[in-house]
C-alpha atoms as a PDB file:
ATOM      1  CA  MET A   1      23.831 -12.107  40.338  1.00  0.00           C
ATOM      2  CA  THR A   2      25.032  -8.689  41.578  1.00  0.00           C
ATOM      3  CA  ASP A   3      28.022  -8.573  38.849  1.00  0.00           C
ATOM      4  CA  ARG A   4      25.298  -9.758  36.166  1.00  0.00           C
ATOM      5  CA  ARG A   5      22.990  -6.665  37.093  1.00  0.00           C
ATOM      6  CA  GLN A   6      25.832  -4.230  37.102  1.00  0.00           C
ATOM      7  CA  ILE A   7      27.117  -5.685  33.850  1.00  0.00           C
ATOM      8  CA  LEU A   8      23.742  -5.410  32.059  1.00  0.00           C
ATOM      9  CA  GLY A   9      23.062  -1.956  33.732  1.00  0.00           C
ATOM     10  CA  LEU A  10      26.390  -0.368  32.370  1.00  0.00           C
ATOM     11  CA  ALA A  11      25.829  -2.101  28.775  1.00  0.00           C
ATOM     12  CA  LEU A  12      22.412  -0.419  28.754  1.00  0.00           C
ATOM     13  CA  ALA A  13      23.721   3.134  29.718  1.00  0.00           C
ATOM     14  CA  LEU A  14      26.209   2.768  27.094  1.00  0.00           C
ATOM     15  CA  GLY A  15      23.982   1.581  24.409  1.00  0.00           C
ATOM     16  CA  ALA A  16      25.895  -1.657  24.020  1.00  0.00           C
ATOM     17  CA  LEU A  17      23.181  -4.016  25.578  1.00  0.00           C
ATOM     18  CA  PRO A  18      23.709  -7.495  23.801  1.00  0.00           C
ATOM     19  CA  PRO A  19      21.264  -9.129  21.684  1.00  0.00           C
ATOM     20  CA  GLY A  20      18.423 -10.629  23.614  1.00  0.00           C
ATOM     21  CA  HIS A  21      18.471  -8.263  26.244  1.00  0.00           C
ATOM     22  CA  ALA A  22      17.330  -5.073  24.663  1.00  0.00           C
ATOM     23  CA  GLU A  23      14.312  -3.282  25.944  1.00  0.00           C
ATOM     24  CA  ALA A  24      10.589  -4.262  24.395  1.00  0.00           C
ATOM     25  CA  ALA A  25      10.699  -2.920  20.621  1.00  0.00           C
ATOM     26  CA  ARG A  26       8.538   0.454  20.293  1.00  0.00           C
ATOM     27  CA  LYS A  27       4.994  -0.394  19.080  1.00  0.00           C
ATOM     28  CA  LEU A  28       3.903   1.497  15.774  1.00  0.00           C
ATOM     29  CA  ARG A  29       0.055   1.521  14.860  1.00  0.00           C
ATOM     30  CA  ILE A  30      -0.026   0.703  11.173  1.00  0.00           C
ATOM     31  CA  VAL A  31      -3.523   0.753   9.272  1.00  0.00           C
ATOM     32  CA  THR A  32      -4.153  -0.492   6.042  1.00  0.00           C
ATOM     33  CA  SER A  33      -6.895  -2.152   3.657  1.00  0.00           C
ATOM     34  CA  HIS A  34      -7.478  -5.434   2.051  1.00  0.00           C
ATOM     35  CA  LEU A  35      -5.779  -4.945  -1.631  1.00  0.00           C
ATOM     36  CA  PRO A  36      -4.775  -8.717  -2.766  1.00  0.00           C
ATOM     37  CA  PRO A  37      -2.156  -9.502  -3.812  1.00  0.00           C
ATOM     38  CA  LEU A  38      -0.457  -6.559  -1.743  1.00  0.00           C
ATOM     39  CA  VAL A  39      -2.360  -6.695   1.354  1.00  0.00           C
ATOM     40  CA  TYR A  40      -4.656  -9.971   2.635  1.00  0.00           C
ATOM     41  CA  GLU A  41      -6.906  -9.023   5.613  1.00  0.00           C
ATOM     42  CA  LYS A  42      -7.518 -12.875   6.271  1.00  0.00           C
ATOM     43  CA  GLY A  43      -6.192 -16.136   5.048  1.00  0.00           C
ATOM     44  CA  GLN A  44      -2.674 -17.779   4.945  1.00  0.00           C
ATOM     45  CA  ARG A  45      -1.035 -15.372   2.748  1.00  0.00           C
ATOM     46  CA  GLN A  46      -0.095 -11.749   4.317  1.00  0.00           C
ATOM     47  CA  GLY A  47       0.477 -10.059   1.070  1.00  0.00           C
ATOM     48  CA  ALA A  48       3.812  -8.857  -0.642  1.00  0.00           C
ATOM     49  CA  LEU A  49       3.823  -5.414   1.085  1.00  0.00           C
ATOM     50  CA  VAL A  50       2.857  -7.020   4.627  1.00  0.00           C
ATOM     51  CA  GLU A  51       5.689  -8.993   4.349  1.00  0.00           C
ATOM     52  CA  ILE A  52       7.925  -6.122   3.684  1.00  0.00           C
ATOM     53  CA  VAL A  53       6.551  -3.845   6.105  1.00  0.00           C
ATOM     54  CA  ARG A  54       7.233  -6.343   9.056  1.00  0.00           C
ATOM     55  CA  GLU A  55      10.797  -7.105   7.728  1.00  0.00           C
ATOM     56  CA  LEU A  56      11.513  -3.171   7.504  1.00  0.00           C
ATOM     57  CA  CYS A  57       9.821  -2.910  11.261  1.00  0.00           C
ATOM     58  CA  ARG A  58      12.062  -5.967  12.464  1.00  0.00           C
ATOM     59  CA  ILE A  59      15.391  -4.185  11.080  1.00  0.00           C
ATOM     60  CA  ALA A  60      14.049  -0.729  12.460  1.00  0.00           C
ATOM     61  CA  GLU A  61      13.431  -2.344  15.915  1.00  0.00           C
ATOM     62  CA  VAL A  62       9.943  -1.338  15.791  1.00  0.00           C
ATOM     63  CA  GLU A  63       6.729  -3.723  16.580  1.00  0.00           C
ATOM     64  CA  PRO A  64       4.009  -3.190  14.191  1.00  0.00           C
ATOM     65  CA  ASP A  65       0.324  -3.132  15.368  1.00  0.00           C
ATOM     66  CA  ILE A  66      -1.360  -3.448  11.972  1.00  0.00           C
ATOM     67  CA  GLY A  67      -5.074  -2.979  11.708  1.00  0.00           C
ATOM     68  CA  PHE A  68      -7.045  -3.623   8.605  1.00  0.00           C
ATOM     69  CA  PHE A  69      -9.897  -1.113   7.440  1.00  0.00           C
ATOM     70  CA  PRO A  70     -11.664   0.327   4.489  1.00  0.00           C
ATOM     71  CA  TRP A  71      -9.252   2.429   2.636  1.00  0.00           C
ATOM     72  CA  PRO A  72     -10.985   6.026   3.078  1.00  0.00           C
ATOM     73  CA  ARG A  73     -10.785   5.031   7.053  1.00  0.00           C
ATOM     74  CA  ALA A  74      -7.552   3.975   7.067  1.00  0.00           C
ATOM     75  CA  LEU A  75      -6.574   7.305   5.317  1.00  0.00           C
ATOM     76  CA  PHE A  76      -8.465   9.430   7.629  1.00  0.00           C
ATOM     77  CA  MET A  77      -6.641   7.743  10.799  1.00  0.00           C
ATOM     78  CA  ALA A  78      -3.243   8.250   9.296  1.00  0.00           C
ATOM     79  CA  SER A  79      -3.752  11.858   8.666  1.00  0.00           C
ATOM     80  CA  LYS A  80      -5.334  12.685  11.957  1.00  0.00           C
ATOM     81  CA  LEU A  81      -4.070   9.941  14.654  1.00  0.00           C
ATOM     82  CA  PRO A  82      -0.526  10.799  15.955  1.00  0.00           C
ATOM     83  CA  ALA A  83       2.218   8.297  15.844  1.00  0.00           C
ATOM     84  CA  THR A  84       0.392   6.460  12.900  1.00  0.00           C
ATOM     85  CA  ALA A  85       1.695   5.014   9.892  1.00  0.00           C
ATOM     86  CA  ILE A  86      -0.440   3.562   6.545  1.00  0.00           C
ATOM     87  CA  PHE A  87       0.575   1.666   3.502  1.00  0.00           C
ATOM     88  CA  PRO A  88       0.438   1.436   0.616  1.00  0.00           C
ATOM     89  CA  LEU A  89       0.126   5.138   0.099  1.00  0.00           C
ATOM     90  CA  THR A  90       0.556   6.666  -3.122  1.00  0.00           C
ATOM     91  CA  ARG A  91       3.097   9.659  -2.913  1.00  0.00           C
ATOM     92  CA  ASN A  92       2.296  12.826  -4.872  1.00  0.00           C
ATOM     93  CA  VAL A  93       2.122  16.399  -4.564  1.00  0.00           C
ATOM     94  CA  GLU A  94      -0.820  16.950  -2.878  1.00  0.00           C
ATOM     95  CA  ARG A  95      -0.016  14.741  -0.005  1.00  0.00           C
ATOM     96  CA  GLU A  96       3.569  15.714   0.075  1.00  0.00           C
ATOM     97  CA  GLY A  97       3.556  17.871   3.277  1.00  0.00           C
ATOM     98  CA  ARG A  98       1.027  15.735   5.001  1.00  0.00           C
ATOM     99  CA  PHE A  99       2.709  12.674   5.552  1.00  0.00           C
ATOM    100  CA  ARG A 100       6.050  11.541   6.859  1.00  0.00           C
ATOM    101  CA  TRP A 101       7.551   9.662   3.791  1.00  0.00           C
ATOM    102  CA  LEU A 102       9.148   6.560   5.621  1.00  0.00           C
ATOM    103  CA  ALA A 103      10.079   4.058   2.606  1.00  0.00           C
ATOM    104  CA  PRO A 104       8.962   3.227  -0.963  1.00  0.00           C
ATOM    105  CA  LEU A 105       7.451  -0.041  -1.271  1.00  0.00           C
ATOM    106  CA  TYR A 106       6.037  -0.542  -4.791  1.00  0.00           C
ATOM    107  CA  ASP A 107       5.899   0.759  -7.961  1.00  0.00           C
ATOM    108  CA  GLU A 108       2.234   1.049  -9.200  1.00  0.00           C
ATOM    109  CA  HIS A 109       0.515   1.010 -12.778  1.00  0.00           C
ATOM    110  CA  TYR A 110      -2.585   2.201 -13.261  1.00  0.00           C
ATOM    111  CA  VAL A 111      -4.838   0.616 -15.663  1.00  0.00           C
ATOM    112  CA  PHE A 112      -8.661   0.899 -16.926  1.00  0.00           C
ATOM    113  CA  LEU A 113     -10.578  -2.350 -16.796  1.00  0.00           C
ATOM    114  CA  ALA A 114     -13.944  -2.728 -18.905  1.00  0.00           C
ATOM    115  CA  PRO A 115     -16.267  -5.679 -19.665  1.00  0.00           C
ATOM    116  CA  ARG A 116     -15.246  -7.082 -23.118  1.00  0.00           C
ATOM    117  CA  GLY A 117     -17.831  -5.783 -25.746  1.00  0.00           C
ATOM    118  CA  GLY A 118     -19.287  -2.811 -23.372  1.00  0.00           C
ATOM    119  CA  SER A 119     -19.429   0.661 -23.770  1.00  0.00           C
ATOM    120  CA  PHE A 120     -15.857   1.260 -22.774  1.00  0.00           C
ATOM    121  CA  ASP A 121     -12.843   1.032 -25.193  1.00  0.00           C
ATOM    122  CA  THR A 122      -9.879   0.026 -23.372  1.00  0.00           C
ATOM    123  CA  GLY A 123      -7.642   0.432 -26.652  1.00  0.00           C
ATOM    124  CA  GLN A 124      -8.846   4.210 -26.953  1.00  0.00           C
ATOM    125  CA  PRO A 125      -9.559   5.424 -23.344  1.00  0.00           C
ATOM    126  CA  SER A 126      -8.809   9.070 -24.203  1.00  0.00           C
ATOM    127  CA  ARG A 127     -11.866   8.726 -26.389  1.00  0.00           C
ATOM    128  CA  MET A 128     -13.905   7.826 -23.417  1.00  0.00           C
ATOM    129  CA  ARG A 129     -13.782  10.737 -20.927  1.00  0.00           C
ATOM    130  CA  GLY A 130     -17.659  10.685 -20.615  1.00  0.00           C
ATOM    131  CA  ARG A 131     -18.234   7.405 -19.114  1.00  0.00           C
ATOM    132  CA  LYS A 132     -18.607   6.295 -15.704  1.00  0.00           C
ATOM    133  CA  ILE A 133     -15.467   4.971 -14.063  1.00  0.00           C
ATOM    134  CA  SER A 134     -15.473   3.022 -10.569  1.00  0.00           C
ATOM    135  CA  LEU A 135     -12.561   3.542  -8.080  1.00  0.00           C
ATOM    136  CA  LEU A 136     -11.591   3.343  -4.703  1.00  0.00           C
ATOM    137  CA  ARG A 137     -12.824   6.260  -2.737  1.00  0.00           C
ATOM    138  CA  GLY A 138      -9.860   8.266  -0.921  1.00  0.00           C
ATOM    139  CA  ALA A 139      -7.278   6.709  -3.591  1.00  0.00           C
ATOM    140  CA  VAL A 140      -4.962   8.942  -5.644  1.00  0.00           C
ATOM    141  CA  GLN A 141      -6.984   7.457  -8.842  1.00  0.00           C
ATOM    142  CA  ALA A 142      -9.566  10.331  -8.786  1.00  0.00           C
ATOM    143  CA  ALA A 143      -6.658  13.079  -8.894  1.00  0.00           C
ATOM    144  CA  ILE A 144      -5.199  11.181 -11.961  1.00  0.00           C
ATOM    145  CA  LEU A 145      -8.841  10.874 -13.472  1.00  0.00           C
ATOM    146  CA  ARG A 146      -9.764  14.215 -13.084  1.00  0.00           C
ATOM    147  CA  GLU A 147      -6.226  15.459 -14.485  1.00  0.00           C
ATOM    148  CA  LEU A 148      -6.819  13.219 -17.600  1.00  0.00           C
ATOM    149  CA  GLY A 149     -10.378  14.778 -18.079  1.00  0.00           C
ATOM    150  CA  TYR A 150     -12.603  12.065 -16.678  1.00  0.00           C
ATOM    151  CA  GLU A 151     -15.427  13.595 -14.245  1.00  0.00           C
ATOM    152  CA  ASN A 152     -18.070  10.955 -14.112  1.00  0.00           C
ATOM    153  CA  LEU A 153     -16.665   9.048 -11.099  1.00  0.00           C
ATOM    154  CA  VAL A 154     -18.436   6.418  -8.967  1.00  0.00           C
ATOM    155  CA  GLU A 155     -16.454   5.815  -5.702  1.00  0.00           C
ATOM    156  CA  ALA A 156     -16.271   2.888  -3.805  1.00  0.00           C
ATOM    157  CA  SER A 157     -15.391   1.734  -0.348  1.00  0.00           C
ATOM    158  CA  THR A 158     -13.483  -1.438  -1.090  1.00  0.00           C
ATOM    159  CA  ILE A 159     -11.959  -3.226  -3.977  1.00  0.00           C
ATOM    160  CA  ASP A 160     -14.968  -5.813  -3.830  1.00  0.00           C
ATOM    161  CA  GLU A 161     -17.524  -2.822  -4.274  1.00  0.00           C
ATOM    162  CA  VAL A 162     -15.475  -1.470  -7.393  1.00  0.00           C
ATOM    163  CA  HIS A 163     -16.085  -4.582  -9.109  1.00  0.00           C
ATOM    164  CA  ARG A 164     -19.689  -4.911  -8.114  1.00  0.00           C
ATOM    165  CA  PHE A 165     -20.308  -1.455  -9.526  1.00  0.00           C
ATOM    166  CA  LEU A 166     -18.713  -2.880 -12.850  1.00  0.00           C
ATOM    167  CA  VAL A 167     -20.683  -5.923 -13.344  1.00  0.00           C
ATOM    168  CA  SER A 168     -23.938  -4.439 -12.186  1.00  0.00           C
ATOM    169  CA  GLY A 169     -23.650  -1.769 -14.738  1.00  0.00           C
ATOM    170  CA  ILE A 170     -23.438   1.108 -12.320  1.00  0.00           C
ATOM    171  CA  ALA A 171     -19.938   2.028 -13.742  1.00  0.00           C
ATOM    172  CA  ASP A 172     -18.595   1.739 -17.555  1.00  0.00           C
ATOM    173  CA  ALA A 173     -15.199   0.934 -16.437  1.00  0.00           C
ATOM    174  CA  ALA A 174     -13.005   0.488 -13.301  1.00  0.00           C
ATOM    175  CA  PHE A 175      -9.515   2.373 -12.772  1.00  0.00           C
ATOM    176  CA  GLY A 176      -6.850   1.065 -10.672  1.00  0.00           C
ATOM    177  CA  GLU A 177      -3.505  -0.649  -9.732  1.00  0.00           C
ATOM    178  CA  ARG A 178      -2.608  -3.364 -12.640  1.00  0.00           C
ATOM    179  CA  ASN A 179      -1.894  -6.319 -10.129  1.00  0.00           C
ATOM    180  CA  ILE A 180      -4.651  -5.501  -7.554  1.00  0.00           C
ATOM    181  CA  ILE A 181      -7.210  -5.552 -10.530  1.00  0.00           C
ATOM    182  CA  GLY A 182      -5.406  -8.754 -11.950  1.00  0.00           C
ATOM    183  CA  ALA A 183      -5.633 -10.397  -8.752  1.00  0.00           C
ATOM    184  CA  SER A 184      -9.521  -9.441  -8.251  1.00  0.00           C
ATOM    185  CA  LEU A 185     -10.120 -11.032 -11.698  1.00  0.00           C
ATOM    186  CA  LYS A 186      -8.121 -14.252 -11.003  1.00  0.00           C
ATOM    187  CA  GLN A 187     -10.075 -14.698  -7.567  1.00  0.00           C
ATOM    188  CA  ARG A 188     -13.533 -14.558  -9.420  1.00  0.00           C
ATOM    189  CA  GLY A 189     -12.604 -16.425 -12.292  1.00  0.00           C
ATOM    190  CA  ALA A 190     -13.499 -13.725 -14.736  1.00  0.00           C
ATOM    191  CA  ALA A 191     -10.415 -12.631 -16.403  1.00  0.00           C
ATOM    192  CA  GLY A 192     -11.467 -13.591 -19.923  1.00  0.00           C
ATOM    193  CA  ASP A 193     -14.566 -11.354 -19.414  1.00  0.00           C
ATOM    194  CA  PHE A 194     -12.737  -8.333 -19.268  1.00  0.00           C
ATOM    195  CA  ALA A 195     -10.222  -6.161 -20.975  1.00  0.00           C
ATOM    196  CA  VAL A 196      -7.137  -4.108 -19.412  1.00  0.00           C
ATOM    197  CA  SER A 197      -5.820  -1.054 -21.024  1.00  0.00           C
ATOM    198  CA  ALA A 198      -2.142  -0.425 -21.135  1.00  0.00           C
ATOM    199  CA  PRO A 199      -0.906   1.628 -18.071  1.00  0.00           C
ATOM    200  CA  ILE A 200      -2.182   5.003 -18.010  1.00  0.00           C
ATOM    201  CA  ARG A 201      -0.194   6.265 -14.697  1.00  0.00           C
ATOM    202  CA  SER A 202       2.614   4.917 -12.845  1.00  0.00           C
ATOM    203  CA  LEU A 203       3.507   6.148  -9.442  1.00  0.00           C
ATOM    204  CA  THR A 204       5.054   4.808  -6.133  1.00  0.00           C
ATOM    205  CA  ALA A 205       3.483   3.524  -2.896  1.00  0.00           C
ATOM    206  CA  TRP A 206       5.086   4.071   0.164  1.00  0.00           C
ATOM    207  CA  LEU A 207       4.826   3.495   3.764  1.00  0.00           C
ATOM    208  CA  ALA A 208       3.832   6.693   5.060  1.00  0.00           C
ATOM    209  CA  GLY A 209       3.588   8.120   8.783  1.00  0.00           C
ATOM    210  CA  SER A 210       1.485  10.831  10.299  1.00  0.00           C
ATOM    211  CA  PRO A 211       3.251  14.339  10.081  1.00  0.00           C
ATOM    212  CA  ASP A 212       4.416  14.242  14.025  1.00  0.00           C
ATOM    213  CA  MET A 213       6.344  11.542  13.375  1.00  0.00           C
ATOM    214  CA  PRO A 214      10.318  12.659  13.602  1.00  0.00           C
ATOM    215  CA  GLU A 215      12.690  12.582  10.388  1.00  0.00           C
ATOM    216  CA  SER A 216      14.827  10.263  12.636  1.00  0.00           C
ATOM    217  CA  GLU A 217      12.093   7.730  12.024  1.00  0.00           C
ATOM    218  CA  ALA A 218      12.237   8.190   8.256  1.00  0.00           C
ATOM    219  CA  GLU A 219      16.216   7.676   8.486  1.00  0.00           C
ATOM    220  CA  ARG A 220      15.777   4.134  10.307  1.00  0.00           C
ATOM    221  CA  PHE A 221      13.064   3.048   7.492  1.00  0.00           C
ATOM    222  CA  SER A 222      15.309   4.162   5.013  1.00  0.00           C
ATOM    223  CA  HIS A 223      18.170   2.293   6.291  1.00  0.00           C
ATOM    224  CA  ALA A 224      16.271  -0.761   6.851  1.00  0.00           C
ATOM    225  CA  LEU A 225      14.915  -0.741   3.058  1.00  0.00           C
ATOM    226  CA  SER A 226      18.592  -0.103   1.960  1.00  0.00           C
ATOM    227  CA  MET A 227      19.359  -3.573   4.206  1.00  0.00           C
ATOM    228  CA  LEU A 228      16.478  -5.602   2.600  1.00  0.00           C
ATOM    229  CA  LYS A 229      17.376  -4.431  -1.051  1.00  0.00           C
ATOM    230  CA  SER A 230      21.043  -5.359  -0.436  1.00  0.00           C
ATOM    231  CA  GLN A 231      20.293  -8.903   0.893  1.00  0.00           C
ATOM    232  CA  GLY A 232      17.838  -9.570  -2.055  1.00  0.00           C
ATOM    233  CA  ARG A 233      14.834 -10.297   0.124  1.00  0.00           C
ATOM    234  CA  LEU A 234      12.916  -7.775  -1.130  1.00  0.00           C
ATOM    235  CA  GLN A 235      12.829  -9.389  -4.585  1.00  0.00           C
ATOM    236  CA  LYS A 236      12.503 -12.436  -3.111  1.00  0.00           C
ATOM    237  CA  ILE A 237       8.936 -11.411  -1.601  1.00  0.00           C
ATOM    238  CA  TYR A 238       7.974  -9.704  -4.880  1.00  0.00           C
ATOM    239  CA  ARG A 239       8.715 -12.853  -6.719  1.00  0.00           C
ATOM    240  CA  ARG A 240       6.749 -14.968  -4.159  1.00  0.00           C
ATOM    241  CA  TYR A 241       3.619 -12.806  -5.136  1.00  0.00           C
ATOM    242  CA  ASP A 242       4.478 -12.987  -8.831  1.00  0.00           C
ATOM    243  CA  LEU A 243       5.121  -9.315  -8.699  1.00  0.00           C
ATOM    244  CA  GLU A 244       7.672  -7.322 -11.028  1.00  0.00           C
ATOM    245  CA  ASN A 245       9.011  -4.194  -9.337  1.00  0.00           C
END
């Protein structure tokens, strides 16, 4: 027994501890929101990005403590609390220095959604700048819309609320990520009731950390992402959720 303890102690000191004897993985608080098919808070499916983040954490030897919150609160937590990560966070110029960018997860394509026969023509969105647009509060969509000249924005706390504003007439159209909008319509059996525009803007959603996280953490996750890609596991997850990326 003494010899075994000495061997394990030496292995630990040299950083060569064999599998199964490593110290417990570091915990990382991660916040997100219910955004099917990318993130499911409940049910049998986790969501494509939840699966990817868990795989990245496994390779990076981090134990993820994933919490689900309305998106505005999740964003607030990641920007104010130390050692906190968030996904899927769209990377843009305004946010560049406010977060530690750990790993790109997903290519987003933003579109307009409007009731068929309504006041918003998804085929000519540039002529609809005066219409009321529903979108998720705290998301990057607001900056995109204002840049394009849309000012009459109706912000919601959840995807369900975005949809409710749209069907109740509070908003003339919604603006959001193509696959998230598609999943919302499919869940409600309402795909035929709405028209969807061509993509207006494409960006990348990341796993991002609070700014106190060291650059070495980003390097660990970048390495983990490279491994997932080289093994083909990233594309397998996308395909499981019928996502093209």
